[in-house]
Protein backbone atom coordinates (compact mmCIF):
# COMPACT_ATOMS: atom_id res chain seq x y z
CA MET A 1 15.85 -22.85 32.38
CA PHE A 2 19.06 -20.35 31.46
CA LYS A 3 21.30 -22.06 33.27
CA LEU A 4 21.65 -24.39 30.42
CA PHE A 5 23.92 -22.72 28.70
CA GLY A 6 26.40 -23.13 31.80
CA ASN A 7 29.12 -20.85 31.82
CA ASN A 8 31.73 -21.20 29.71
CA SER A 9 33.26 -18.58 27.65
CA ASP A 10 35.20 -20.98 25.14
CA ASP A 11 32.35 -22.46 24.24
CA PHE A 12 30.33 -19.17 23.47
CA LYS A 13 33.48 -17.80 21.77
CA ASP A 14 33.79 -20.65 19.13
CA ILE A 15 30.07 -20.77 18.69
CA PHE A 16 29.87 -16.69 17.95
CA GLU A 17 33.00 -16.67 15.65
CA GLN A 18 31.33 -19.49 13.19
CA PHE A 19 28.26 -18.09 13.65
CA TYR A 20 29.35 -14.19 12.45
CA ASN A 21 31.35 -15.99 10.04
CA ASN A 22 28.29 -17.86 8.62
CA ILE A 23 26.44 -14.26 8.60
CA MET A 24 29.68 -12.55 6.74
CA SER A 25 29.23 -15.13 3.72
CA ASN A 26 25.67 -14.62 3.40
CA ASP A 27 24.62 -11.48 1.36
CA GLN A 28 21.49 -11.30 2.45
CA LEU A 29 22.58 -11.59 6.16
CA SER A 30 25.88 -9.34 5.90
CA ILE A 31 23.56 -6.40 6.01
CA PHE A 32 23.79 -6.16 9.86
CA PHE A 33 27.31 -5.16 9.78
CA LYS A 34 29.10 -2.45 8.18
CA ASN A 35 32.29 -3.70 8.75
CA LYS A 36 34.79 -6.44 10.42
CA HIS A 37 35.54 -3.92 13.51
CA GLN A 38 31.52 -3.83 14.28
CA VAL A 39 31.45 -7.63 14.19
CA ARG A 40 33.99 -7.61 16.43
CA HIS A 41 32.28 -5.36 18.82
CA VAL A 42 29.24 -7.19 18.78
CA ILE A 43 30.44 -10.93 19.33
CA ALA A 44 32.07 -9.28 22.57
CA LYS A 45 28.76 -7.91 23.44
CA GLN A 46 26.68 -11.16 22.35
CA LEU A 47 29.80 -12.92 24.74
CA GLU A 48 29.00 -10.82 27.57
CA HIS A 49 25.18 -11.21 27.63
CA PHE A 50 25.02 -14.83 26.98
CA SER A 51 27.76 -15.26 30.02
CA ASN A 52 25.02 -13.76 32.22
CA ILE A 53 21.93 -15.05 30.51
CA HIS A 54 21.89 -17.23 33.66
CA SER A 55 21.36 -14.35 36.32
CA MET A 56 18.29 -12.70 34.09
CA ASN A 57 14.85 -13.51 35.07
CA SER A 58 12.35 -14.53 32.46
CA VAL A 59 10.86 -10.83 32.07
CA GLN A 60 14.49 -9.07 32.28
CA LEU A 61 14.91 -11.53 29.11
CA LYS A 62 11.83 -11.03 27.55
CA SER A 63 12.10 -7.22 27.97
CA TYR A 64 15.66 -7.55 26.11
CA TYR A 65 14.70 -9.64 23.14
CA ARG A 66 11.65 -7.30 22.30
CA LYS A 67 13.78 -4.44 22.78
CA MET A 68 16.61 -6.01 20.21
CA GLY A 69 13.44 -7.08 17.51
CA LYS A 70 12.07 -3.33 17.97
CA GLU A 71 16.07 -1.95 17.27
CA HIS A 72 16.13 -4.16 14.49
CA ALA A 73 12.91 -3.01 12.88
CA LEU A 74 14.43 0.36 13.29
CA MET A 75 17.51 -0.12 11.36
CA GLY A 76 15.11 -1.35 8.49
CA ILE A 77 16.30 -4.90 8.79
CA SER A 78 13.00 -7.38 8.25
CA PHE A 79 11.65 -9.56 10.20
CA SER A 80 12.66 -12.65 8.36
CA THR A 81 16.15 -11.54 7.79
CA LEU A 82 16.65 -11.52 11.61
CA GLU A 83 14.67 -14.78 11.77
CA THR A 84 17.25 -16.24 9.64
CA ALA A 85 19.77 -15.01 11.47
CA THR A 86 18.87 -16.67 14.80
CA GLU A 87 18.20 -19.99 12.82
CA TYR A 88 21.53 -19.66 12.23
CA LEU A 89 22.82 -19.19 15.94
CA PHE A 90 20.55 -21.78 16.89
CA ARG A 91 22.25 -24.30 14.64
CA GLN A 92 25.65 -23.55 15.81
CA PHE A 93 24.56 -23.98 19.40
CA LEU A 94 23.03 -27.06 18.13
CA LEU A 95 26.25 -28.55 17.17
CA LYS A 96 28.29 -27.64 20.11
CA PHE A 97 25.71 -29.43 22.76
CA SER A 98 24.85 -32.05 20.29
CA SER A 99 26.40 -34.75 22.62
CA LYS A 100 24.32 -33.44 25.37
CA PRO A 101 20.31 -34.71 24.12
CA ASP A 102 18.92 -33.24 27.55
CA LYS A 103 19.78 -29.61 26.20
CA VAL A 104 18.69 -29.77 22.92
CA VAL A 105 14.88 -29.64 23.88
CA SER A 106 15.65 -26.88 26.62
CA LEU A 107 17.51 -24.94 23.32
CA GLU A 108 14.38 -25.53 21.36
CA ARG A 109 12.30 -24.15 23.75
CA PHE A 110 14.67 -21.04 24.47
CA PHE A 111 15.28 -19.69 20.76
CA SER A 112 11.82 -20.45 20.11
CA LYS A 113 10.89 -18.04 22.73
CA MET A 114 13.75 -15.45 21.25
CA LYS A 115 12.47 -15.20 18.26
CA SER A 116 8.56 -14.81 19.27
CA ASP A 117 10.27 -11.73 21.56
CA PHE A 118 11.53 -10.89 18.46
CA ALA A 119 8.20 -10.61 16.69
CA TYR A 120 6.85 -8.90 19.75
CA GLY A 121 9.57 -5.73 18.66
CA TYR A 122 8.76 -5.55 15.33
CA LEU A 123 5.10 -5.88 15.93
CA GLU A 124 5.67 -3.01 18.42
CA HIS A 125 7.50 -0.68 16.01
CA GLU A 126 4.89 -1.30 13.37
CA ILE A 127 2.00 -0.48 15.91
CA GLU A 128 4.10 2.94 16.95
CA VAL A 129 4.51 3.95 13.28
CA PHE A 130 0.87 3.54 12.10
CA THR A 131 -0.49 4.85 15.20
CA GLU A 132 1.48 8.62 14.37
CA ARG A 133 -0.33 8.13 10.60
CA LEU A 134 -3.67 7.23 12.03
CA ARG A 135 -3.53 9.88 14.84
CA LEU A 136 -2.59 12.50 11.26
CA LEU A 137 -5.94 10.55 9.46
CA ASN A 138 -8.30 11.15 12.41
CA ARG A 139 -6.99 14.78 12.49
CA TYR A 140 -7.30 15.75 8.83
CA SER A 141 -10.05 13.39 7.89
CA SER A 142 -13.77 13.97 7.62
CA ASN A 143 -15.90 14.41 10.20
CA THR A 144 -17.49 11.35 8.96
CA HIS A 145 -18.94 9.44 12.30
CA SER A 146 -18.44 5.83 11.12
CA LEU A 147 -14.77 6.59 9.81
CA LYS A 148 -13.59 8.46 13.06
CA ASN A 149 -15.26 5.67 15.25
CA HIS A 150 -12.91 2.93 13.24
CA ILE A 151 -9.26 4.70 13.65
CA GLU A 152 -10.59 5.38 17.32
CA TRP A 153 -11.30 1.66 17.59
CA PHE A 154 -8.01 0.62 16.14
CA LEU A 155 -5.85 3.40 18.73
CA MET A 156 -7.48 1.86 21.69
CA LEU A 157 -6.80 -1.80 19.89
CA HIS A 158 -2.66 -0.60 19.79
CA THR A 159 -2.57 0.49 23.19
CA ALA A 160 -3.63 -2.60 24.53
CA ILE A 161 -1.81 -4.75 22.54
CA LEU A 162 1.10 -2.36 23.53
CA GLN A 163 0.43 -2.91 27.40
CA ASP A 164 -0.40 -6.88 27.23
CA ASP A 165 -3.61 -5.83 28.40
CA ASN A 166 -5.57 -8.90 27.24
CA ASN A 167 -9.05 -8.06 29.00
CA THR A 168 -9.23 -4.80 26.83
CA ILE A 169 -8.06 -7.12 23.69
CA GLU A 170 -11.20 -9.23 24.31
CA MET A 171 -13.43 -6.36 24.58
CA LEU A 172 -12.38 -4.18 21.38
CA SER A 173 -12.91 -7.98 19.64
CA GLU A 174 -16.32 -7.79 20.54
CA ALA A 175 -16.90 -4.11 19.93
CA LYS A 176 -15.98 -2.94 16.55
CA PRO A 177 -17.75 -0.47 15.17
CA THR A 178 -20.41 -0.91 12.51
CA LEU A 179 -20.11 0.73 9.07
CA GLY A 180 -23.72 2.03 9.66
CA THR A 181 -25.99 2.99 6.15
CA HIS A 182 -24.36 5.07 3.26
CA ASN A 183 -25.95 7.21 0.76
CA GLU A 184 -27.57 5.57 -2.32
CA SER A 185 -25.53 7.36 -5.03
CA ALA A 186 -22.61 5.21 -3.19
CA LYS A 187 -23.95 1.64 -4.54
CA ASP A 188 -20.76 0.53 -6.38
CA LEU A 189 -18.58 1.90 -2.91
CA ALA A 190 -20.76 0.11 -1.18
CA LYS A 191 -20.07 -3.07 -2.60
CA ASP A 192 -16.25 -3.02 -2.21
CA LEU A 193 -16.57 -1.78 0.95
CA GLU A 194 -18.07 -4.61 2.33
CA LYS A 195 -15.70 -6.80 0.34
CA VAL A 196 -12.89 -5.18 2.17
CA SER A 197 -14.75 -5.34 5.37
CA LYS A 198 -15.46 -9.46 5.49
CA ASN A 199 -11.08 -9.55 4.61
CA PHE A 200 -10.83 -7.08 7.79
CA ASP A 201 -13.00 -9.06 10.19
CA THR A 202 -11.23 -12.16 8.52
CA LEU A 203 -7.77 -11.05 9.48
CA GLU A 204 -9.22 -9.36 12.77
CA LYS A 205 -9.75 -12.99 13.92
CA ILE A 206 -6.71 -14.48 13.21
CA MET A 207 -4.99 -11.82 14.45
CA PHE A 208 -6.63 -12.09 17.63
CA PHE A 209 -6.63 -15.52 18.17
CA ASN A 210 -2.23 -15.26 17.72
CA LEU A 211 -2.59 -12.83 20.50
CA LYS A 212 -4.63 -15.08 22.72
CA GLN A 213 -1.82 -17.47 21.69
CA HIS A 214 0.88 -15.35 22.62
CA ASP A 215 1.77 -16.03 18.89
CA PHE A 216 3.65 -12.64 17.79
CA LYS A 217 5.40 -13.89 14.95
CA GLY A 218 2.02 -14.79 13.46
CA THR A 219 0.30 -11.70 14.93
CA LEU A 220 2.93 -9.78 13.16
CA ALA A 221 2.32 -11.44 9.83
CA THR A 222 -1.37 -10.63 10.19
CA TYR A 223 -0.91 -7.29 11.85
CA ILE A 224 0.71 -6.02 8.54
CA SER A 225 -2.27 -7.10 6.23
CA LEU A 226 -4.90 -5.82 8.74
CA LYS A 227 -3.40 -2.19 8.49
CA GLU A 228 -3.01 -2.58 4.58
CA SER A 229 -7.16 -3.69 4.62
CA PHE A 230 -7.51 -0.82 7.38
CA LEU A 231 -6.29 1.94 5.36
CA THR A 232 -7.80 0.94 2.04
CA LEU A 233 -11.77 0.79 4.06
CA THR A 234 -10.87 4.12 5.55
CA TYR A 235 -10.12 5.40 2.28
CA LEU A 236 -13.57 4.11 0.81
CA LEU A 237 -15.49 5.53 3.90
CA SER A 238 -13.72 9.19 2.62
CA LEU A 239 -14.43 8.52 -0.64
CA MET A 240 -18.36 7.46 0.03
CA GLU A 241 -18.65 10.62 1.92
CA GLN A 242 -17.36 12.68 -1.06
CA GLU A 243 -19.64 10.62 -3.00
CA ALA A 244 -22.64 11.77 -0.72
CA MET A 245 -21.69 15.50 -1.33
CA SER A 246 -23.35 18.12 -3.25
CA GLU A 247 -22.56 17.17 -7.22
CA SER A 248 -23.03 20.73 -8.16
CA PHE A 249 -20.56 21.67 -11.07
CA ALA A 250 -19.71 18.38 -11.67
CA THR A 251 -20.00 18.37 -15.55
CA ASP A 252 -18.62 21.12 -17.98
CA PRO A 253 -21.32 23.00 -19.10
CA LEU A 254 -19.90 23.18 -22.92
CA THR A 255 -18.83 19.41 -23.74
CA GLU A 256 -20.70 18.01 -20.75
CA ALA A 257 -17.51 15.77 -19.98
CA LEU A 258 -16.79 15.84 -15.98
CA THR A 259 -15.01 18.67 -14.38
CA ARG A 260 -11.60 18.85 -12.73
CA ARG A 261 -13.34 19.11 -9.46
CA GLN A 262 -14.09 15.13 -9.93
CA MET A 263 -10.69 13.94 -10.94
CA THR A 264 -9.06 12.98 -7.32
CA SER A 265 -12.40 11.32 -6.41
CA ILE A 266 -12.38 9.47 -9.47
CA MET A 267 -8.44 8.43 -9.61
CA ASP A 268 -8.91 7.61 -5.95
CA LYS A 269 -11.85 5.11 -6.23
CA SER A 270 -9.71 3.52 -9.28
CA ALA A 271 -7.10 3.18 -7.62
CA THR A 272 -8.81 1.51 -4.04
CA LYS A 273 -10.89 -0.70 -6.77
CA ALA A 274 -7.65 -1.54 -8.37
CA MET A 275 -5.98 -2.64 -4.76
CA ILE A 276 -8.68 -4.73 -3.33
CA ALA A 277 -8.54 -6.78 -6.89
CA ASN A 278 -4.88 -6.63 -7.07
CA SER A 279 -4.98 -5.49 -10.75
CA ALA A 280 -4.26 -1.78 -12.67
CA PHE A 281 -6.03 1.23 -14.05
CA THR A 282 -4.97 2.95 -16.82
CA VAL A 283 -4.97 7.21 -17.12
CA ALA A 284 -5.32 8.45 -20.51
CA MET A 285 -4.34 12.37 -21.48
CA ALA A 286 -6.01 13.03 -24.88
CA ASP A 287 -5.31 15.99 -26.86
CA ILE A 288 -6.98 17.48 -30.41
CA ASP A 289 -3.82 18.16 -33.01
CA HIS A 290 -3.71 21.64 -33.83
CA PHE A 291 -6.72 23.15 -32.26
CA LYS A 292 -5.27 26.60 -32.40
CA ASN A 293 -5.28 26.23 -36.12
CA VAL A 294 -8.83 25.37 -35.82
CA ASN A 295 -9.98 28.35 -34.26
CA ASP A 296 -7.67 30.62 -36.06
CA THR A 297 -9.02 29.50 -39.29
CA TYR A 298 -12.98 29.27 -38.44
CA GLY A 299 -13.27 30.94 -35.24
CA HIS A 300 -13.62 30.32 -31.58
CA LYS A 301 -17.46 29.18 -32.56
CA ALA A 302 -16.38 26.68 -34.48
CA GLY A 303 -13.43 25.57 -32.04
CA ASP A 304 -16.59 24.74 -29.43
CA ILE A 305 -18.39 22.76 -31.93
CA VAL A 306 -15.21 20.57 -32.25
CA LEU A 307 -14.53 20.29 -29.00
CA LYS A 308 -18.26 19.42 -28.31
CA GLN A 309 -18.09 16.39 -30.81
CA PHE A 310 -14.80 15.59 -29.84
CA SER A 311 -15.83 14.89 -26.02
CA ALA A 312 -18.67 13.04 -27.84
CA ILE A 313 -16.59 10.28 -29.10
CA LEU A 314 -14.71 10.10 -26.42
CA MET A 315 -17.65 9.35 -23.90
CA LYS A 316 -19.40 7.12 -26.38
CA HIS A 317 -16.46 4.80 -27.08
CA THR A 318 -14.92 4.31 -23.91
CA ALA A 319 -18.93 3.81 -22.39
CA THR A 320 -18.39 -0.06 -22.71
CA GLU A 321 -14.85 0.07 -20.44
CA SER A 322 -16.73 2.03 -17.70
CA ALA A 323 -14.36 4.93 -18.17
CA GLU A 324 -14.49 8.32 -17.10
CA VAL A 325 -14.14 10.99 -19.33
CA ILE A 326 -12.81 14.66 -17.35
CA ARG A 327 -12.03 17.62 -19.52
CA TYR A 328 -9.07 18.66 -18.32
CA GLY A 329 -8.59 22.06 -20.13
CA GLY A 330 -8.29 23.71 -23.59
CA GLU A 331 -8.49 21.01 -25.66
CA GLU A 332 -7.06 18.48 -22.76
CA PHE A 333 -9.09 15.39 -21.92
CA LEU A 334 -8.37 12.98 -18.79
CA ILE A 335 -9.91 9.26 -19.46
CA ILE A 336 -9.63 7.10 -16.46
CA PHE A 337 -9.80 3.36 -17.41
CA PRO A 338 -10.94 1.24 -14.17
CA ASN A 339 -9.68 -2.32 -14.03
CA SER A 340 -7.80 -2.13 -17.04
CA THR A 341 -4.20 -2.63 -18.21
CA GLY A 342 -1.80 -0.52 -20.45
CA GLU A 343 -2.53 -3.04 -23.25
CA GLU A 344 -5.98 -3.28 -22.96
CA THR A 345 -6.61 0.46 -23.14
CA PHE A 346 -4.03 1.13 -25.82
CA LYS A 347 -6.00 -1.05 -28.24
CA ALA A 348 -9.37 0.72 -26.89
CA ILE A 349 -7.59 3.90 -27.62
CA ASP A 350 -6.04 3.56 -30.70
CA ASP A 351 -9.24 2.33 -32.29
CA MET A 352 -10.64 5.35 -31.09
CA ARG A 353 -8.15 7.57 -32.61
CA ASP A 354 -8.81 6.19 -36.12
CA ILE A 355 -12.45 7.02 -35.73
CA ILE A 356 -11.73 10.28 -34.97
CA GLU A 357 -9.67 10.61 -37.66
CA MET A 358 -12.40 9.30 -40.05
CA THR A 359 -15.01 11.25 -38.34
CA PRO A 360 -15.82 14.75 -40.57
CA PHE A 361 -16.85 17.27 -38.06
CA ASN A 362 -19.61 19.46 -39.02
CA ILE A 363 -19.34 22.92 -37.54
CA GLY A 364 -21.76 24.89 -39.10
CA THR A 365 -20.58 26.52 -42.17
CA GLY A 366 -18.87 22.86 -43.55
CA MET A 367 -16.89 19.65 -42.86
CA ILE A 368 -13.30 19.37 -41.45
CA HIS A 369 -11.46 16.74 -40.16
CA ILE A 370 -8.98 16.57 -37.12
CA THR A 371 -6.50 13.76 -35.56
CA SER A 372 -5.90 13.20 -31.96
CA SER A 373 -3.17 12.51 -29.68
CA PHE A 374 -2.62 10.20 -26.74
CA GLY A 375 -0.30 9.49 -23.67
CA LEU A 376 -1.18 6.81 -21.42
CA ASN A 377 -0.20 5.76 -17.73
CA GLU A 378 -0.71 2.15 -16.47
CA VAL A 379 -0.81 2.54 -12.77
CA LYS A 380 -0.70 -0.47 -10.22
CA PRO A 381 -1.25 0.54 -6.85
CA SER A 382 1.05 -0.84 -3.99
CA LYS A 383 -1.49 -2.45 -1.11
CA GLY A 384 -2.64 0.08 1.62
CA GLU A 385 -1.06 3.13 -0.34
CA ILE A 386 -3.25 5.51 -2.75
CA PRO A 387 -1.45 6.81 -5.27
CA ASP A 388 -0.63 10.52 -6.02
CA PRO A 389 -3.25 11.60 -9.07
CA LEU A 390 -0.63 14.56 -10.11
CA ALA A 391 2.45 11.97 -10.42
CA ILE A 392 -0.24 9.63 -12.64
CA ILE A 393 -0.97 12.74 -14.61
CA LYS A 394 2.44 14.27 -14.91
CA GLU A 395 3.46 10.46 -16.77
CA ALA A 396 0.40 10.27 -18.93
CA ASP A 397 1.33 13.73 -20.03
CA GLU A 398 4.79 12.88 -20.53
CA ASN A 399 3.83 10.11 -22.90
CA LEU A 400 1.11 12.73 -24.29
CA TYR A 401 4.54 14.81 -25.40
CA LEU A 402 6.22 11.91 -26.73
CA ALA A 403 3.28 11.13 -29.17
CA LYS A 404 3.44 14.73 -30.50
CA LYS A 405 7.12 14.75 -30.83
CA SER A 406 6.61 11.46 -32.77
CA GLY A 407 4.79 13.11 -35.44
CA ARG A 408 1.15 13.37 -33.48
CA ASN A 409 -2.09 11.24 -34.43
CA CYS A 410 -0.79 8.33 -32.37
CA VAL A 411 -0.82 6.39 -28.79
CA LYS A 412 2.11 6.36 -26.36
CA ILE A 413 2.30 4.69 -23.04
């Protein structure tokens, strides 16, 4: 098969000169090269390779193109970019050999195999990177039996794919760990887990089918989606364990709002739900304006009463949005709105701000009025990546600062 190229260096030189001219004039493809000197070097290497290709057996050729695919992945070049470049090269060969129909079919078969081996190289890179992440996750995660079983199953699957071990792949396709049962308090998470698990099962079946067909391009695309789904699944399993743990000290004794101890768990849960639904969630930082004046003028007991009533208003008027109210510290409260955009949350918060301004606060010795300021942050999580809670809060806090700087008693996003 490999003799189809012959050994005409002039033909190859013409093909590669035109091919690399096309690449350098294409913004997407020119990222392969830093300068023209590098192009000349690559042309020389390609000429050498194609001139000697007839002396390589199928195993050597497969290894060569898989290695090349992996090297491009390591350089940060997307598979679609490499595939486009390969199509350019294929067209140049077709133009050169168009007068020889007997070679066209062989060329198509050869370049199809080349792209498949490139895809395997990218798959190998993806697996090696994700394997390290899974090992860290397995090491530092909780001791949840179900979670560890899933991670270890995926690690074994990785090894089998990299070793082309079809028997083990077949065995693992029939032996995925079950999720088991979970604490009654985690019903909402269990629904999300079931949804993610079904998606994972579907992707897994497609990937196993592609592997059996040696369709590495299809396997690569499915694997990327599968690992994102798997990460979501592991986060859900971790959250379910947290949900099952003791909820002592869950609420602030003065305001009855949740404590900061619950913040990360609630934030992760909201991010996971938003990721599954491909939607957003919004975090609001609330602050009582000039609260120090309340303490200084009426005393700390009055200040505590105001905090309690303020918290009650926040919880009452966010209940319909299934929001969680957390006492962040002092007179600052954090409100997490799941499955809610910034625009939707802004309206709800601004209406509540009006209510707070119009509500008389009974401090025992009389009635006082207060105002409040809010900073919002809409969060749209990337697939397979749970955002940092502190970074989310920081942006909401910066918007709260803008609200105060703008004269207080307002909402900023």
